[in-house]
Amino acid sequence: LYRTLDRGRTWRRIAKKYRVESCAVDP
């Protein structure tokens, strides 16, 4: 799972799992 704080200009991996499908932030 990767995260960007600048709309996709830079990315950082925040979870190292083999096969990530999706995610959802708790509203």
PDB file of all heavy atoms in Angstrom:
ATOM      1  N   LEU A   1       0.860  -1.174   0.000  1.00  0.00           N
ATOM      2  CA  LEU A   1       0.000   0.000   0.000  1.00  0.00           C
ATOM      3  C   LEU A   1       0.896   1.223   0.000  1.00  0.00           C
ATOM      4  O   LEU A   1       1.797   1.351   0.831  1.00  0.00           O
ATOM      5  CB  LEU A   1      -0.913   0.016   1.233  1.00  0.00           C
ATOM      6  CG  LEU A   1      -1.920   1.157   1.279  1.00  0.00           C
ATOM      7  CD1 LEU A   1      -2.955   1.021   0.155  1.00  0.00           C
ATOM      8  CD2 LEU A   1      -2.616   1.202   2.626  1.00  0.00           C
ATOM      9  N   TYR A   2       0.641   2.118  -0.963  1.00  0.00           N
ATOM     10  CA  TYR A   2       1.433   3.333  -1.124  1.00  0.00           C
ATOM     11  C   TYR A   2       0.568   4.544  -0.803  1.00  0.00           C
ATOM     12  O   TYR A   2      -0.636   4.524  -1.014  1.00  0.00           O
ATOM     13  CB  TYR A   2       1.951   3.445  -2.555  1.00  0.00           C
ATOM     14  CG  TYR A   2       3.017   2.421  -2.892  1.00  0.00           C
ATOM     15  CD1 TYR A   2       2.695   1.094  -3.121  1.00  0.00           C
ATOM     16  CD2 TYR A   2       4.355   2.793  -2.979  1.00  0.00           C
ATOM     17  CE1 TYR A   2       3.663   0.161  -3.423  1.00  0.00           C
ATOM     18  CE2 TYR A   2       5.338   1.863  -3.281  1.00  0.00           C
ATOM     19  CZ  TYR A   2       4.981   0.543  -3.508  1.00  0.00           C
ATOM     20  OH  TYR A   2       5.947  -0.376  -3.807  1.00  0.00           O
ATOM     21  N   ARG A   3       1.233   5.619  -0.343  1.00  0.00           N
ATOM     22  CA  ARG A   3       0.522   6.853  -0.001  1.00  0.00           C
ATOM     23  C   ARG A   3       1.261   8.033  -0.633  1.00  0.00           C
ATOM     24  O   ARG A   3       2.491   8.081  -0.644  1.00  0.00           O
ATOM     25  CB  ARG A   3       0.473   7.027   1.509  1.00  0.00           C
ATOM     26  CG  ARG A   3      -0.103   8.359   1.959  1.00  0.00           C
ATOM     27  CD  ARG A   3      -0.282   8.456   3.460  1.00  0.00           C
ATOM     28  NE  ARG A   3       0.970   8.268   4.178  1.00  0.00           N
ATOM     29  CZ  ARG A   3       1.035   7.994   5.475  1.00  0.00           C
ATOM     30  NH1 ARG A   3      -0.055   7.874   6.200  1.00  0.00           N
ATOM     31  NH2 ARG A   3       2.196   7.831   6.066  1.00  0.00           N
ATOM     32  N   THR A   4       0.485   8.977  -1.141  1.00  0.00           N
ATOM     33  CA  THR A   4       1.028  10.247  -1.593  1.00  0.00           C
ATOM     34  C   THR A   4       0.349  11.362  -0.810  1.00  0.00           C
ATOM     35  O   THR A   4      -0.838  11.266  -0.490  1.00  0.00           O
ATOM     36  CB  THR A   4       0.822  10.462  -3.110  1.00  0.00           C
ATOM     37  OG1 THR A   4       1.356  11.743  -3.477  1.00  0.00           O
ATOM     38  CG2 THR A   4      -0.640  10.405  -3.511  1.00  0.00           C
ATOM     39  N   LEU A   5       1.099  12.388  -0.501  1.00  0.00           N
ATOM     40  CA  LEU A   5       0.557  13.553   0.194  1.00  0.00           C
ATOM     41  C   LEU A   5       0.467  14.753  -0.746  1.00  0.00           C
ATOM     42  O   LEU A   5       0.075  15.842  -0.323  1.00  0.00           O
ATOM     43  CB  LEU A   5       1.435  13.897   1.403  1.00  0.00           C
ATOM     44  CG  LEU A   5       1.616  12.765   2.422  1.00  0.00           C
ATOM     45  CD1 LEU A   5       2.602  13.174   3.502  1.00  0.00           C
ATOM     46  CD2 LEU A   5       0.281  12.357   3.019  1.00  0.00           C
ATOM     47  N   ASP A   6       0.844  14.547  -2.030  1.00  0.00           N
ATOM     48  CA  ASP A   6       0.899  15.647  -2.987  1.00  0.00           C
ATOM     49  C   ASP A   6       0.254  15.291  -4.328  1.00  0.00           C
ATOM     50  O   ASP A   6       0.760  15.630  -5.382  1.00  0.00           O
ATOM     51  CB  ASP A   6       2.342  16.114  -3.187  1.00  0.00           C
ATOM     52  CG  ASP A   6       3.269  14.980  -3.621  1.00  0.00           C
ATOM     53  OD1 ASP A   6       2.784  13.907  -4.041  1.00  0.00           O
ATOM     54  OD2 ASP A   6       4.491  15.172  -3.533  1.00  0.00           O
ATOM     55  N   ARG A   7      -0.864  14.583  -4.261  1.00  0.00           N
ATOM     56  CA  ARG A   7      -1.658  14.227  -5.446  1.00  0.00           C
ATOM     57  C   ARG A   7      -0.883  13.409  -6.478  1.00  0.00           C
ATOM     58  O   ARG A   7      -1.083  13.548  -7.670  1.00  0.00           O
ATOM     59  CB  ARG A   7      -2.243  15.457  -6.108  1.00  0.00           C
ATOM     60  CG  ARG A   7      -3.269  16.156  -5.276  1.00  0.00           C
ATOM     61  CD  ARG A   7      -3.875  17.302  -6.022  1.00  0.00           C
ATOM     62  NE  ARG A   7      -4.893  17.921  -5.203  1.00  0.00           N
ATOM     63  CZ  ARG A   7      -5.968  18.485  -5.683  1.00  0.00           C
ATOM     64  NH1 ARG A   7      -6.179  18.513  -6.965  1.00  0.00           N
ATOM     65  NH2 ARG A   7      -6.840  19.025  -4.878  1.00  0.00           N
ATOM     66  N   GLY A   8       0.002  12.552  -6.009  1.00  0.00           N
ATOM     67  CA  GLY A   8       0.667  11.617  -6.900  1.00  0.00           C
ATOM     68  C   GLY A   8       2.041  12.007  -7.401  1.00  0.00           C
ATOM     69  O   GLY A   8       2.654  11.243  -8.146  1.00  0.00           O
ATOM     70  N   ARG A   9       2.555  13.150  -6.999  1.00  0.00           N
ATOM     71  CA  ARG A   9       3.907  13.516  -7.447  1.00  0.00           C
ATOM     72  C   ARG A   9       4.960  12.611  -6.815  1.00  0.00           C
ATOM     73  O   ARG A   9       5.900  12.201  -7.477  1.00  0.00           O
ATOM     74  CB  ARG A   9       4.201  14.979  -7.133  1.00  0.00           C
ATOM     75  CG  ARG A   9       3.505  15.946  -8.064  1.00  0.00           C
ATOM     76  CD  ARG A   9       3.971  17.386  -7.798  1.00  0.00           C
ATOM     77  NE  ARG A   9       2.889  18.306  -8.027  1.00  0.00           N
ATOM     78  CZ  ARG A   9       1.955  18.664  -7.154  1.00  0.00           C
ATOM     79  NH1 ARG A   9       1.961  18.178  -5.946  1.00  0.00           N
ATOM     80  NH2 ARG A   9       1.005  19.518  -7.473  1.00  0.00           N
ATOM     81  N   THR A  10       4.804  12.332  -5.523  1.00  0.00           N
ATOM     82  CA  THR A  10       5.733  11.432  -4.831  1.00  0.00           C
ATOM     83  C   THR A  10       4.928  10.401  -4.051  1.00  0.00           C
ATOM     84  O   THR A  10       3.837  10.700  -3.571  1.00  0.00           O
ATOM     85  CB  THR A  10       6.650  12.202  -3.852  1.00  0.00           C
ATOM     86  OG1 THR A  10       5.837  12.881  -2.891  1.00  0.00           O
ATOM     87  CG2 THR A  10       7.518  13.206  -4.599  1.00  0.00           C
ATOM     88  N   TRP A  11       5.479   9.200  -3.932  1.00  0.00           N
ATOM     89  CA  TRP A  11       4.796   8.104  -3.253  1.00  0.00           C
ATOM     90  C   TRP A  11       5.742   7.447  -2.264  1.00  0.00           C
ATOM     91  O   TRP A  11       6.950   7.387  -2.495  1.00  0.00           O
ATOM     92  CB  TRP A  11       4.343   7.041  -4.265  1.00  0.00           C
ATOM     93  CG  TRP A  11       3.264   7.497  -5.172  1.00  0.00           C
ATOM     94  CD1 TRP A  11       3.424   8.125  -6.379  1.00  0.00           C
ATOM     95  CD2 TRP A  11       1.864   7.359  -4.982  1.00  0.00           C
ATOM     96  NE1 TRP A  11       2.209   8.388  -6.938  1.00  0.00           N
ATOM     97  CE2 TRP A  11       1.226   7.926  -6.105  1.00  0.00           C
ATOM     98  CE3 TRP A  11       1.078   6.806  -3.969  1.00  0.00           C
ATOM     99  CZ2 TRP A  11      -0.150   7.956  -6.241  1.00  0.00           C
ATOM    100  CZ3 TRP A  11      -0.294   6.834  -4.100  1.00  0.00           C
ATOM    101  CH2 TRP A  11      -0.904   7.410  -5.230  1.00  0.00           C
ATOM    102  N   ARG A  12       5.163   6.913  -1.179  1.00  0.00           N
ATOM    103  CA  ARG A  12       5.920   6.137  -0.197  1.00  0.00           C
ATOM    104  C   ARG A  12       5.109   4.894   0.161  1.00  0.00           C
ATOM    105  O   ARG A  12       3.909   4.984   0.411  1.00  0.00           O
ATOM    106  CB  ARG A  12       6.171   6.959   1.052  1.00  0.00           C
ATOM    107  CG  ARG A  12       6.769   6.105   2.179  1.00  0.00           C
ATOM    108  CD  ARG A  12       7.129   6.903   3.352  1.00  0.00           C
ATOM    109  NE  ARG A  12       8.394   7.550   3.025  1.00  0.00           N
ATOM    110  CZ  ARG A  12       8.906   8.546   3.706  1.00  0.00           C
ATOM    111  NH1 ARG A  12       8.267   9.035   4.739  1.00  0.00           N
ATOM    112  NH2 ARG A  12      10.052   9.066   3.374  1.00  0.00           N
ATOM    113  N   ARG A  13       5.769   3.747   0.204  1.00  0.00           N
ATOM    114  CA  ARG A  13       5.085   2.513   0.611  1.00  0.00           C
ATOM    115  C   ARG A  13       4.900   2.527   2.125  1.00  0.00           C
ATOM    116  O   ARG A  13       5.858   2.710   2.864  1.00  0.00           O
ATOM    117  CB  ARG A  13       5.883   1.290   0.180  1.00  0.00           C
ATOM    118  CG  ARG A  13       5.179   0.005   0.528  1.00  0.00           C
ATOM    119  CD  ARG A  13       5.709  -1.204  -0.182  1.00  0.00           C
ATOM    120  NE  ARG A  13       7.138  -1.337  -0.053  1.00  0.00           N
ATOM    121  CZ  ARG A  13       7.821  -2.360  -0.566  1.00  0.00           C
ATOM    122  NH1 ARG A  13       7.206  -3.302  -1.243  1.00  0.00           N
ATOM    123  NH2 ARG A  13       9.118  -2.414  -0.416  1.00  0.00           N
ATOM    124  N   ILE A  14       3.644   2.341   2.569  1.00  0.00           N
ATOM    125  CA  ILE A  14       3.358   2.362   4.005  1.00  0.00           C
ATOM    126  C   ILE A  14       2.979   0.980   4.540  1.00  0.00           C
ATOM    127  O   ILE A  14       2.873   0.801   5.742  1.00  0.00           O
ATOM    128  CB  ILE A  14       2.267   3.391   4.361  1.00  0.00           C
ATOM    129  CG1 ILE A  14       0.940   3.080   3.677  1.00  0.00           C
ATOM    130  CG2 ILE A  14       2.746   4.806   4.038  1.00  0.00           C
ATOM    131  CD1 ILE A  14      -0.230   3.917   4.168  1.00  0.00           C
ATOM    132  N   ALA A  15       2.767   0.017   3.643  1.00  0.00           N
ATOM    133  CA  ALA A  15       2.514  -1.373   4.060  1.00  0.00           C
ATOM    134  C   ALA A  15       3.117  -2.289   3.010  1.00  0.00           C
ATOM    135  O   ALA A  15       2.845  -2.144   1.819  1.00  0.00           O
ATOM    136  CB  ALA A  15       1.022  -1.645   4.201  1.00  0.00           C
ATOM    137  N   LYS A  16       3.926  -3.199   3.445  1.00  0.00           N
ATOM    138  CA  LYS A  16       4.620  -4.111   2.543  1.00  0.00           C
ATOM    139  C   LYS A  16       3.919  -5.471   2.577  1.00  0.00           C
ATOM    140  O   LYS A  16       4.262  -6.338   3.362  1.00  0.00           O
ATOM    141  CB  LYS A  16       6.080  -4.234   2.963  1.00  0.00           C
ATOM    142  CG  LYS A  16       6.917  -5.019   2.010  1.00  0.00           C
ATOM    143  CD  LYS A  16       8.370  -5.024   2.448  1.00  0.00           C
ATOM    144  CE  LYS A  16       9.209  -5.838   1.503  1.00  0.00           C
ATOM    145  NZ  LYS A  16      10.613  -5.869   1.915  1.00  0.00           N
ATOM    146  N   LYS A  17       2.929  -5.609   1.744  1.00  0.00           N
ATOM    147  CA  LYS A  17       2.212  -6.869   1.576  1.00  0.00           C
ATOM    148  C   LYS A  17       2.339  -7.286   0.123  1.00  0.00           C
ATOM    149  O   LYS A  17       2.450  -6.450  -0.774  1.00  0.00           O
ATOM    150  CB  LYS A  17       0.731  -6.730   1.957  1.00  0.00           C
ATOM    151  CG  LYS A  17       0.503  -6.472   3.411  1.00  0.00           C
ATOM    152  CD  LYS A  17       0.904  -7.671   4.219  1.00  0.00           C
ATOM    153  CE  LYS A  17       0.908  -7.377   5.700  1.00  0.00           C
ATOM    154  NZ  LYS A  17       1.711  -8.334   6.436  1.00  0.00           N
ATOM    155  N   TYR A  18       2.273  -8.570  -0.121  1.00  0.00           N
ATOM    156  CA  TYR A  18       2.529  -9.134  -1.434  1.00  0.00           C
ATOM    157  C   TYR A  18       1.493  -8.718  -2.479  1.00  0.00           C
ATOM    158  O   TYR A  18       1.848  -8.318  -3.576  1.00  0.00           O
ATOM    159  CB  TYR A  18       2.582 -10.654  -1.258  1.00  0.00           C
ATOM    160  CG  TYR A  18       2.984 -11.451  -2.449  1.00  0.00           C
ATOM    161  CD1 TYR A  18       4.140 -11.161  -3.145  1.00  0.00           C
ATOM    162  CD2 TYR A  18       2.216 -12.523  -2.864  1.00  0.00           C
ATOM    163  CE1 TYR A  18       4.523 -11.915  -4.235  1.00  0.00           C
ATOM    164  CE2 TYR A  18       2.592 -13.286  -3.938  1.00  0.00           C
ATOM    165  CZ  TYR A  18       3.747 -12.980  -4.630  1.00  0.00           C
ATOM    166  OH  TYR A  18       4.126 -13.732  -5.699  1.00  0.00           O
ATOM    167  N   ARG A  19       0.219  -8.782  -2.136  1.00  0.00           N
ATOM    168  CA  ARG A  19      -0.846  -8.524  -3.117  1.00  0.00           C
ATOM    169  C   ARG A  19      -1.944  -7.663  -2.504  1.00  0.00           C
ATOM    170  O   ARG A  19      -2.932  -8.163  -1.992  1.00  0.00           O
ATOM    171  CB  ARG A  19      -1.434  -9.844  -3.600  1.00  0.00           C
ATOM    172  CG  ARG A  19      -0.440 -10.665  -4.371  1.00  0.00           C
ATOM    173  CD  ARG A  19      -1.015 -11.993  -4.759  1.00  0.00           C
ATOM    174  NE  ARG A  19      -0.085 -12.666  -5.653  1.00  0.00           N
ATOM    175  CZ  ARG A  19      -0.133 -13.929  -5.957  1.00  0.00           C
ATOM    176  NH1 ARG A  19      -1.080 -14.691  -5.439  1.00  0.00           N
ATOM    177  NH2 ARG A  19       0.743 -14.459  -6.775  1.00  0.00           N
ATOM    178  N   VAL A  20      -1.797  -6.353  -2.598  1.00  0.00           N
ATOM    179  CA  VAL A  20      -2.798  -5.428  -2.062  1.00  0.00           C
ATOM    180  C   VAL A  20      -3.793  -5.094  -3.160  1.00  0.00           C
ATOM    181  O   VAL A  20      -3.417  -4.732  -4.265  1.00  0.00           O
ATOM    182  CB  VAL A  20      -2.149  -4.147  -1.503  1.00  0.00           C
ATOM    183  CG1 VAL A  20      -3.203  -3.141  -1.071  1.00  0.00           C
ATOM    184  CG2 VAL A  20      -1.236  -4.496  -0.329  1.00  0.00           C
ATOM    185  N   GLU A  21      -5.067  -5.239  -2.834  1.00  0.00           N
ATOM    186  CA  GLU A  21      -6.149  -4.944  -3.780  1.00  0.00           C
ATOM    187  C   GLU A  21      -6.629  -3.508  -3.654  1.00  0.00           C
ATOM    188  O   GLU A  21      -6.731  -2.786  -4.624  1.00  0.00           O
ATOM    189  CB  GLU A  21      -7.333  -5.888  -3.539  1.00  0.00           C
ATOM    190  CG  GLU A  21      -7.067  -7.328  -3.891  1.00  0.00           C
ATOM    191  CD  GLU A  21      -7.107  -7.600  -5.377  1.00  0.00           C
ATOM    192  OE1 GLU A  21      -7.583  -6.751  -6.153  1.00  0.00           O
ATOM    193  OE2 GLU A  21      -6.647  -8.682  -5.768  1.00  0.00           O
ATOM    194  N   SER A  22      -6.980  -3.085  -2.426  1.00  0.00           N
ATOM    195  CA  SER A  22      -7.618  -1.794  -2.227  1.00  0.00           C
ATOM    196  C   SER A  22      -7.483  -1.378  -0.770  1.00  0.00           C
ATOM    197  O   SER A  22      -6.856  -2.079   0.033  1.00  0.00           O
ATOM    198  CB  SER A  22      -9.105  -1.887  -2.606  1.00  0.00           C
ATOM    199  OG  SER A  22      -9.731  -0.637  -2.527  1.00  0.00           O
ATOM    200  N   CYS A  23      -8.100  -0.236  -0.450  1.00  0.00           N
ATOM    201  CA  CYS A  23      -8.146   0.229   0.934  1.00  0.00           C
ATOM    202  C   CYS A  23      -9.342   1.147   1.091  1.00  0.00           C
ATOM    203  O   CYS A  23      -9.960   1.557   0.110  1.00  0.00           O
ATOM    204  CB  CYS A  23      -6.849   0.937   1.320  1.00  0.00           C
ATOM    205  SG  CYS A  23      -6.611   2.512   0.498  1.00  0.00           S
ATOM    206  N   ALA A  24      -9.663   1.478   2.337  1.00  0.00           N
ATOM    207  CA  ALA A  24     -10.763   2.400   2.623  1.00  0.00           C
ATOM    208  C   ALA A  24     -10.476   3.112   3.938  1.00  0.00           C
ATOM    209  O   ALA A  24     -10.157   2.473   4.933  1.00  0.00           O
ATOM    210  CB  ALA A  24     -12.093   1.654   2.722  1.00  0.00           C
ATOM    211  N   VAL A  25     -10.591   4.445   3.911  1.00  0.00           N
ATOM    212  CA  VAL A  25     -10.401   5.265   5.104  1.00  0.00           C
ATOM    213  C   VAL A  25     -11.729   5.342   5.848  1.00  0.00           C
ATOM    214  O   VAL A  25     -12.775   5.596   5.249  1.00  0.00           O
ATOM    215  CB  VAL A  25      -9.923   6.685   4.728  1.00  0.00           C
ATOM    216  CG1 VAL A  25      -9.739   7.545   5.974  1.00  0.00           C
ATOM    217  CG2 VAL A  25      -8.631   6.628   3.919  1.00  0.00           C
ATOM    218  N   ASP A  26     -11.685   5.118   7.145  1.00  0.00           N
ATOM    219  CA  ASP A  26     -12.880   5.178   7.982  1.00  0.00           C
ATOM    220  C   ASP A  26     -13.457   6.593   7.940  1.00  0.00           C
ATOM    221  O   ASP A  26     -12.755   7.554   8.281  1.00  0.00           O
ATOM    222  CB  ASP A  26     -12.499   4.793   9.412  1.00  0.00           C
ATOM    223  CG  ASP A  26     -13.678   4.659  10.351  1.00  0.00           C
ATOM    224  OD1 ASP A  26     -14.703   5.347  10.146  1.00  0.00           O
ATOM    225  OD2 ASP A  26     -13.569   3.879  11.306  1.00  0.00           O
ATOM    226  N   PRO A  27     -14.721   6.761   7.546  1.00  0.00           N
ATOM    227  CA  PRO A  27     -15.295   8.104   7.470  1.00  0.00           C
ATOM    228  C   PRO A  27     -15.494   8.759   8.838  1.00  0.00           C
ATOM    229  O   PRO A  27     -15.641   9.971   8.928  1.00  0.00           O
ATOM    230  CB  PRO A  27     -16.639   7.883   6.775  1.00  0.00           C
ATOM    231  CG  PRO A  27     -16.979   6.465   7.030  1.00  0.00           C
ATOM    232  CD  PRO A  27     -15.668   5.728   7.122  1.00  0.00           C
TER     233      PRO A  27
END
